[in-house]
């Protein structure tokens, strides 16, 4: 909101008689104009009240979709997130986010995701999932390098059936799956409402018992609206 006011002030001042628009002033206007771009909300986390953003992404091995809307101060945000890996691993989740640092060139946001993991195939898994994320974005004009760090935890249920001559017995056990992850990428605002983002995804399934996974990548399309 401060950025919008500064942008209006710079624009109005440049139109005064005798006023000259310098290259530095033009760059300042561009920086402020795109400070609240929807794609920056997606990669940096959180949206201001009455603003919304959404994104779809595709790559290897992840596909995803996300929607969020700002509902309170400090970019308090609620939303929904869907992740898929090779069309065999699905994780729908609800999102709650709060922006800890909100500056023109730095955003730091904490996110909590609560959902359910479903994995099909030979290594079928399912269970409740919780993930904590920290998002950092560094907007400069139309572009914003960003970093996402996450730790995902799933409570898996194992059912074992043993059939013997004496009869059948069933055993129920629980185990924990830990998935640390990180994404490094770059977002580009085409307009305030539409943008693109490209990222490299690092994940470690079943850490620390398994070896780290091969890095992946994704390309996303972000869009949004509301009070920007």
C-alpha atoms as a PDB file:
ATOM      1  CA  UNK A   1       0.000   0.000   0.000  1.00  0.00           C
ATOM      2  CA  UNK A   2       2.909   2.347   0.761  1.00  0.00           C
ATOM      3  CA  UNK A   3       4.353   1.434  -2.624  1.00  0.00           C
ATOM      4  CA  UNK A   4       1.131   2.440  -4.407  1.00  0.00           C
ATOM      5  CA  UNK A   5       1.152   5.823  -2.697  1.00  0.00           C
ATOM      6  CA  UNK A   6       4.798   6.424  -3.592  1.00  0.00           C
ATOM      7  CA  UNK A   7       4.152   5.428  -7.186  1.00  0.00           C
ATOM      8  CA  UNK A   8       1.255   7.888  -7.433  1.00  0.00           C
ATOM      9  CA  UNK A   9       3.357  10.639  -5.854  1.00  0.00           C
ATOM     10  CA  UNK A  10       6.259  10.096  -8.255  1.00  0.00           C
ATOM     11  CA  UNK A  11       3.928  10.027 -11.242  1.00  0.00           C
ATOM     12  CA  UNK A  12       2.108  13.173 -10.168  1.00  0.00           C
ATOM     13  CA  UNK A  13       5.350  15.020  -9.437  1.00  0.00           C
ATOM     14  CA  UNK A  14       6.741  14.207 -12.867  1.00  0.00           C
ATOM     15  CA  UNK A  15       3.745  15.915 -14.424  1.00  0.00           C
ATOM     16  CA  UNK A  16       4.254  19.280 -12.691  1.00  0.00           C
ATOM     17  CA  UNK A  17       5.303  22.262 -14.841  1.00  0.00           C
ATOM     18  CA  UNK A  18       9.077  22.407 -15.143  1.00  0.00           C
ATOM     19  CA  UNK A  19       9.527  18.927 -13.715  1.00  0.00           C
ATOM     20  CA  UNK A  20      11.800  16.526 -15.591  1.00  0.00           C
ATOM     21  CA  UNK A  21      11.597  12.764 -15.352  1.00  0.00           C
ATOM     22  CA  UNK A  22      15.086  11.410 -14.786  1.00  0.00           C
ATOM     23  CA  UNK A  23      16.119   7.808 -15.519  1.00  0.00           C
ATOM     24  CA  UNK A  24      16.524   7.228 -11.779  1.00  0.00           C
ATOM     25  CA  UNK A  25      12.967   8.431 -11.148  1.00  0.00           C
ATOM     26  CA  UNK A  26      11.634   6.173 -13.903  1.00  0.00           C
ATOM     27  CA  UNK A  27      13.411   3.169 -12.397  1.00  0.00           C
ATOM     28  CA  UNK A  28      11.951   4.022  -8.977  1.00  0.00           C
ATOM     29  CA  UNK A  29       8.454   4.144 -10.474  1.00  0.00           C
ATOM     30  CA  UNK A  30       8.936   0.723 -12.102  1.00  0.00           C
ATOM     31  CA  UNK A  31      10.221  -0.801  -8.862  1.00  0.00           C
ATOM     32  CA  UNK A  32       7.217   0.477  -6.922  1.00  0.00           C
ATOM     33  CA  UNK A  33       4.744  -0.408  -9.672  1.00  0.00           C
ATOM     34  CA  UNK A  34       5.623  -4.110  -9.634  1.00  0.00           C
ATOM     35  CA  UNK A  35       6.333  -4.427  -5.893  1.00  0.00           C
ATOM     36  CA  UNK A  36       2.884  -5.993  -5.358  1.00  0.00           C
ATOM     37  CA  UNK A  37       2.854  -8.196  -8.470  1.00  0.00           C
ATOM     38  CA  UNK A  38       0.876 -11.423  -8.114  1.00  0.00           C
ATOM     39  CA  UNK A  39       3.846 -13.617  -9.051  1.00  0.00           C
ATOM     40  CA  UNK A  40       5.834 -12.117  -6.163  1.00  0.00           C
ATOM     41  CA  UNK A  41       3.009 -13.089  -3.788  1.00  0.00           C
ATOM     42  CA  UNK A  42       3.220 -16.669  -5.047  1.00  0.00           C
ATOM     43  CA  UNK A  43       6.989 -17.112  -4.707  1.00  0.00           C
ATOM     44  CA  UNK A  44       7.426 -14.815  -1.698  1.00  0.00           C
ATOM     45  CA  UNK A  45       4.364 -16.034   0.184  1.00  0.00           C
ATOM     46  CA  UNK A  46       1.383 -14.167   1.560  1.00  0.00           C
ATOM     47  CA  UNK A  47      -0.964 -11.575   0.059  1.00  0.00           C
ATOM     48  CA  UNK A  48      -2.217  -8.304   1.467  1.00  0.00           C
ATOM     49  CA  UNK A  49      -5.846  -8.162   2.591  1.00  0.00           C
ATOM     50  CA  UNK A  50      -8.367  -8.511  -0.262  1.00  0.00           C
ATOM     51  CA  UNK A  51      -5.642  -9.463  -2.757  1.00  0.00           C
ATOM     52  CA  UNK A  52      -5.512 -12.931  -4.264  1.00  0.00           C
ATOM     53  CA  UNK A  53      -3.044 -14.945  -6.313  1.00  0.00           C
ATOM     54  CA  UNK A  54      -2.957 -18.343  -7.991  1.00  0.00           C
ATOM     55  CA  UNK A  55      -0.419 -20.409  -9.895  1.00  0.00           C
ATOM     56  CA  UNK A  56      -0.065 -23.588 -11.919  1.00  0.00           C
ATOM     57  CA  UNK A  57       3.293 -25.235 -12.568  1.00  0.00           C
ATOM     58  CA  UNK A  58       4.712 -28.165 -14.469  1.00  0.00           C
ATOM     59  CA  UNK A  59       8.097 -29.839 -14.588  1.00  0.00           C
ATOM     60  CA  UNK A  60      10.022 -32.901 -13.458  1.00  0.00           C
ATOM     61  CA  UNK A  61       8.986 -34.646 -11.288  1.00  0.00           C
ATOM     62  CA  UNK A  62       6.565 -32.142  -9.746  1.00  0.00           C
ATOM     63  CA  UNK A  63       3.280 -30.686 -10.976  1.00  0.00           C
ATOM     64  CA  UNK A  64       1.339 -28.264  -8.843  1.00  0.00           C
ATOM     65  CA  UNK A  65      -1.475 -25.771  -8.397  1.00  0.00           C
ATOM     66  CA  UNK A  66      -1.967 -23.154  -5.705  1.00  0.00           C
ATOM     67  CA  UNK A  67      -4.462 -20.471  -4.737  1.00  0.00           C
ATOM     68  CA  UNK A  68      -4.329 -17.930  -1.906  1.00  0.00           C
ATOM     69  CA  UNK A  69      -6.144 -14.847  -0.617  1.00  0.00           C
ATOM     70  CA  UNK A  70      -5.103 -12.243   1.931  1.00  0.00           C
ATOM     71  CA  UNK A  71      -7.429 -12.005   4.921  1.00  0.00           C
ATOM     72  CA  UNK A  72      -5.682  -9.852   7.515  1.00  0.00           C
ATOM     73  CA  UNK A  73      -2.744  -7.696   8.614  1.00  0.00           C
ATOM     74  CA  UNK A  74       0.890  -8.652   7.941  1.00  0.00           C
ATOM     75  CA  UNK A  75      -0.275 -10.423   4.781  1.00  0.00           C
ATOM     76  CA  UNK A  76      -2.111 -13.082   6.784  1.00  0.00           C
ATOM     77  CA  UNK A  77      -3.167 -15.501   4.059  1.00  0.00           C
ATOM     78  CA  UNK A  78      -5.211 -18.659   3.641  1.00  0.00           C
ATOM     79  CA  UNK A  79      -5.184 -20.913   0.615  1.00  0.00           C
ATOM     80  CA  UNK A  80      -5.011 -24.364  -0.929  1.00  0.00           C
ATOM     81  CA  UNK A  81      -2.069 -26.226  -2.435  1.00  0.00           C
ATOM     82  CA  UNK A  82      -1.911 -29.368  -4.582  1.00  0.00           C
ATOM     83  CA  UNK A  83       1.305 -31.200  -5.442  1.00  0.00           C
ATOM     84  CA  UNK A  84       1.782 -34.224  -7.686  1.00  0.00           C
ATOM     85  CA  UNK A  85       4.909 -36.231  -8.480  1.00  0.00           C
ATOM     86  CA  UNK A  86       4.845 -38.410 -11.608  1.00  0.00           C
ATOM     87  CA  UNK A  87       1.065 -38.733 -11.223  1.00  0.00           C
ATOM     88  CA  UNK A  88       1.677 -41.277  -8.452  1.00  0.00           C
ATOM     89  CA  UNK A  89       2.211 -39.105  -5.399  1.00  0.00           C
ATOM     90  CA  UNK A  90      -0.473 -36.555  -4.441  1.00  0.00           C
ATOM     91  CA  UNK A  91      -0.588 -34.116  -1.562  1.00  0.00           C
ATOM     92  CA  UNK A  92      -3.587 -31.731  -1.266  1.00  0.00           C
ATOM     93  CA  UNK A  93      -3.206 -29.289   1.621  1.00  0.00           C
ATOM     94  CA  UNK A  94      -4.656 -26.204   3.272  1.00  0.00           C
ATOM     95  CA  UNK A  95      -2.264 -23.255   3.644  1.00  0.00           C
ATOM     96  CA  UNK A  96      -1.873 -20.651   6.397  1.00  0.00           C
ATOM     97  CA  UNK A  97       0.803 -17.982   5.830  1.00  0.00           C
ATOM     98  CA  UNK A  98       2.099 -14.905   7.652  1.00  0.00           C
ATOM     99  CA  UNK A  99       4.664 -12.464   6.275  1.00  0.00           C
ATOM    100  CA  UNK A 100       7.419 -11.810   8.819  1.00  0.00           C
ATOM    101  CA  UNK A 101       9.388  -9.237   6.812  1.00  0.00           C
ATOM    102  CA  UNK A 102       7.584  -7.001   4.311  1.00  0.00           C
ATOM    103  CA  UNK A 103       9.886  -4.557   2.561  1.00  0.00           C
ATOM    104  CA  UNK A 104      10.124  -3.324  -0.984  1.00  0.00           C
ATOM    105  CA  UNK A 105      13.166  -5.496  -1.762  1.00  0.00           C
ATOM    106  CA  UNK A 106      12.781  -8.275   0.788  1.00  0.00           C
ATOM    107  CA  UNK A 107       9.938 -10.586   1.756  1.00  0.00           C
ATOM    108  CA  UNK A 108      10.164 -13.350   4.326  1.00  0.00           C
ATOM    109  CA  UNK A 109       7.060 -15.465   4.932  1.00  0.00           C
ATOM    110  CA  UNK A 110       6.316 -18.479   7.090  1.00  0.00           C
ATOM    111  CA  UNK A 111       3.806 -21.079   5.897  1.00  0.00           C
ATOM    112  CA  UNK A 112       2.039 -24.020   7.517  1.00  0.00           C
ATOM    113  CA  UNK A 113       0.507 -26.665   5.244  1.00  0.00           C
ATOM    114  CA  UNK A 114      -1.813 -29.368   6.572  1.00  0.00           C
ATOM    115  CA  UNK A 115      -2.925 -32.083   4.185  1.00  0.00           C
ATOM    116  CA  UNK A 116      -3.027 -35.747   3.248  1.00  0.00           C
ATOM    117  CA  UNK A 117      -0.439 -37.764   1.319  1.00  0.00           C
ATOM    118  CA  UNK A 118      -1.534 -40.414  -1.180  1.00  0.00           C
ATOM    119  CA  UNK A 119       1.051 -42.470  -3.073  1.00  0.00           C
ATOM    120  CA  UNK A 120      -0.001 -45.228  -5.450  1.00  0.00           C
ATOM    121  CA  UNK A 121       1.936 -48.046  -7.096  1.00  0.00           C
ATOM    122  CA  UNK A 122       4.180 -50.704  -5.590  1.00  0.00           C
ATOM    123  CA  UNK A 123       5.267 -48.403  -2.768  1.00  0.00           C
ATOM    124  CA  UNK A 124       1.762 -47.295  -1.833  1.00  0.00           C
ATOM    125  CA  UNK A 125       1.622 -44.861   1.073  1.00  0.00           C
ATOM    126  CA  UNK A 126      -0.948 -42.647   2.685  1.00  0.00           C
ATOM    127  CA  UNK A 127      -1.351 -40.624   5.825  1.00  0.00           C
ATOM    128  CA  UNK A 128      -1.726 -37.155   7.340  1.00  0.00           C
ATOM    129  CA  UNK A 129       0.931 -34.642   6.339  1.00  0.00           C
ATOM    130  CA  UNK A 130       2.228 -31.379   7.806  1.00  0.00           C
ATOM    131  CA  UNK A 131       4.818 -29.098   6.263  1.00  0.00           C
ATOM    132  CA  UNK A 132       6.571 -25.947   7.457  1.00  0.00           C
ATOM    133  CA  UNK A 133       8.009 -23.581   4.855  1.00  0.00           C
ATOM    134  CA  UNK A 134      10.038 -20.392   4.848  1.00  0.00           C
ATOM    135  CA  UNK A 135       9.861 -18.302   1.685  1.00  0.00           C
ATOM    136  CA  UNK A 136      12.254 -15.461   0.848  1.00  0.00           C
ATOM    137  CA  UNK A 137      11.925 -13.221  -2.216  1.00  0.00           C
ATOM    138  CA  UNK A 138      14.051 -10.278  -3.328  1.00  0.00           C
ATOM    139  CA  UNK A 139      11.970  -8.139  -5.755  1.00  0.00           C
ATOM    140  CA  UNK A 140      13.819  -5.649  -7.961  1.00  0.00           C
ATOM    141  CA  UNK A 141      11.700  -4.081 -10.656  1.00  0.00           C
ATOM    142  CA  UNK A 142      10.059  -6.831 -12.683  1.00  0.00           C
ATOM    143  CA  UNK A 143      12.201  -9.701 -11.353  1.00  0.00           C
ATOM    144  CA  UNK A 144      12.549 -11.431  -7.995  1.00  0.00           C
ATOM    145  CA  UNK A 145      15.048 -14.167  -7.123  1.00  0.00           C
ATOM    146  CA  UNK A 146      13.540 -16.412  -4.458  1.00  0.00           C
ATOM    147  CA  UNK A 147      14.319 -19.286  -2.099  1.00  0.00           C
ATOM    148  CA  UNK A 148      11.943 -21.743  -0.407  1.00  0.00           C
ATOM    149  CA  UNK A 149      13.018 -24.046   2.432  1.00  0.00           C
ATOM    150  CA  UNK A 150      10.627 -26.714   3.705  1.00  0.00           C
ATOM    151  CA  UNK A 151      10.381 -29.675   6.034  1.00  0.00           C
ATOM    152  CA  UNK A 152       7.538 -32.119   5.369  1.00  0.00           C
ATOM    153  CA  UNK A 153       6.424 -34.822   7.809  1.00  0.00           C
ATOM    154  CA  UNK A 154       3.960 -37.654   7.126  1.00  0.00           C
ATOM    155  CA  UNK A 155       2.552 -40.236   9.534  1.00  0.00           C
ATOM    156  CA  UNK A 156       2.294 -43.459   7.523  1.00  0.00           C
ATOM    157  CA  UNK A 157       0.160 -46.453   8.433  1.00  0.00           C
ATOM    158  CA  UNK A 158       1.345 -49.997   7.707  1.00  0.00           C
ATOM    159  CA  UNK A 159      -1.124 -52.903   7.830  1.00  0.00           C
ATOM    160  CA  UNK A 160       0.313 -56.423   7.851  1.00  0.00           C
ATOM    161  CA  UNK A 161      -1.781 -59.574   7.470  1.00  0.00           C
ATOM    162  CA  UNK A 162      -0.238 -62.936   8.407  1.00  0.00           C
ATOM    163  CA  UNK A 163      -2.070 -66.133   7.403  1.00  0.00           C
ATOM    164  CA  UNK A 164      -0.982 -69.366   9.090  1.00  0.00           C
ATOM    165  CA  UNK A 165      -2.493 -72.772   9.809  1.00  0.00           C
ATOM    166  CA  UNK A 166      -3.583 -71.446  13.178  1.00  0.00           C
ATOM    167  CA  UNK A 167      -5.497 -68.578  11.645  1.00  0.00           C
ATOM    168  CA  UNK A 168      -5.102 -65.014  10.441  1.00  0.00           C
ATOM    169  CA  UNK A 169      -3.546 -62.163  12.376  1.00  0.00           C
ATOM    170  CA  UNK A 170      -3.458 -58.485  11.495  1.00  0.00           C
ATOM    171  CA  UNK A 171      -0.945 -55.963  12.721  1.00  0.00           C
ATOM    172  CA  UNK A 172      -1.177 -52.159  12.534  1.00  0.00           C
ATOM    173  CA  UNK A 173       1.950 -50.014  12.862  1.00  0.00           C
ATOM    174  CA  UNK A 174       2.945 -46.406  12.257  1.00  0.00           C
ATOM    175  CA  UNK A 175       6.093 -44.835  10.923  1.00  0.00           C
ATOM    176  CA  UNK A 176       7.344 -41.356  10.095  1.00  0.00           C
ATOM    177  CA  UNK A 177       8.399 -40.094   6.661  1.00  0.00           C
ATOM    178  CA  UNK A 178      10.565 -36.970   6.552  1.00  0.00           C
ATOM    179  CA  UNK A 179      10.994 -34.970   3.349  1.00  0.00           C
ATOM    180  CA  UNK A 180      13.333 -31.949   3.584  1.00  0.00           C
ATOM    181  CA  UNK A 181      13.202 -29.793   0.475  1.00  0.00           C
ATOM    182  CA  UNK A 182      14.351 -26.546  -1.102  1.00  0.00           C
ATOM    183  CA  UNK A 183      13.616 -24.512  -4.213  1.00  0.00           C
ATOM    184  CA  UNK A 184      15.765 -21.804  -5.801  1.00  0.00           C
ATOM    185  CA  UNK A 185      14.289 -19.784  -8.625  1.00  0.00           C
ATOM    186  CA  UNK A 186      13.493 -16.542 -10.412  1.00  0.00           C
ATOM    187  CA  UNK A 187      10.121 -14.841 -10.866  1.00  0.00           C
ATOM    188  CA  UNK A 188       9.331 -12.341 -13.630  1.00  0.00           C
ATOM    189  CA  UNK A 189       6.326  -9.994 -13.527  1.00  0.00           C
ATOM    190  CA  UNK A 190       4.884  -9.522 -17.014  1.00  0.00           C
ATOM    191  CA  UNK A 191       2.210  -7.261 -15.529  1.00  0.00           C
ATOM    192  CA  UNK A 192       1.051  -6.729 -11.957  1.00  0.00           C
ATOM    193  CA  UNK A 193      -1.549  -9.460 -12.524  1.00  0.00           C
ATOM    194  CA  UNK A 194       0.423 -12.018 -14.578  1.00  0.00           C
ATOM    195  CA  UNK A 195       3.918 -13.453 -14.248  1.00  0.00           C
ATOM    196  CA  UNK A 196       6.196 -16.451 -14.774  1.00  0.00           C
ATOM    197  CA  UNK A 197       8.553 -18.263 -12.442  1.00  0.00           C
ATOM    198  CA  UNK A 198      11.244 -20.881 -13.008  1.00  0.00           C
ATOM    199  CA  UNK A 199      12.779 -22.937 -10.227  1.00  0.00           C
ATOM    200  CA  UNK A 200      15.133 -25.807  -9.406  1.00  0.00           C
ATOM    201  CA  UNK A 201      13.658 -28.237  -6.866  1.00  0.00           C
ATOM    202  CA  UNK A 202      15.710 -30.229  -4.372  1.00  0.00           C
ATOM    203  CA  UNK A 203      14.070 -32.987  -2.312  1.00  0.00           C
ATOM    204  CA  UNK A 204      15.191 -35.885  -0.135  1.00  0.00           C
ATOM    205  CA  UNK A 205      12.543 -38.591   0.173  1.00  0.00           C
ATOM    206  CA  UNK A 206      12.633 -40.700   3.328  1.00  0.00           C
ATOM    207  CA  UNK A 207      15.581 -38.794   4.748  1.00  0.00           C
ATOM    208  CA  UNK A 208      18.014 -39.731   6.127  1.00  0.00           C
ATOM    209  CA  UNK A 209      17.657 -43.455   5.338  1.00  0.00           C
ATOM    210  CA  UNK A 210      17.507 -42.996   1.543  1.00  0.00           C
ATOM    211  CA  UNK A 211      19.895 -41.198  -0.807  1.00  0.00           C
ATOM    212  CA  UNK A 212      18.991 -37.630  -1.878  1.00  0.00           C
ATOM    213  CA  UNK A 213      16.729 -37.431  -4.920  1.00  0.00           C
ATOM    214  CA  UNK A 214      17.823 -36.156  -8.328  1.00  0.00           C
ATOM    215  CA  UNK A 215      17.167 -32.386  -8.597  1.00  0.00           C
ATOM    216  CA  UNK A 216      14.046 -31.404 -10.513  1.00  0.00           C
ATOM    217  CA  UNK A 217      12.781 -28.240 -12.154  1.00  0.00           C
ATOM    218  CA  UNK A 218       9.497 -26.488 -12.863  1.00  0.00           C
ATOM    219  CA  UNK A 219       8.011 -23.601 -14.825  1.00  0.00           C
ATOM    220  CA  UNK A 220       4.997 -21.823 -13.369  1.00  0.00           C
ATOM    221  CA  UNK A 221       2.360 -19.337 -14.508  1.00  0.00           C
ATOM    222  CA  UNK A 222       1.047 -17.001 -11.802  1.00  0.00           C
ATOM    223  CA  UNK A 223      -1.904 -14.634 -11.917  1.00  0.00           C
ATOM    224  CA  UNK A 224      -3.921 -12.616  -9.442  1.00  0.00           C
ATOM    225  CA  UNK A 225      -6.060  -9.609  -8.680  1.00  0.00           C
ATOM    226  CA  UNK A 226      -7.949  -7.851  -5.938  1.00  0.00           C
ATOM    227  CA  UNK A 227      -6.647  -4.901  -3.915  1.00  0.00           C
ATOM    228  CA  UNK A 228      -3.166  -4.495  -5.411  1.00  0.00           C
END
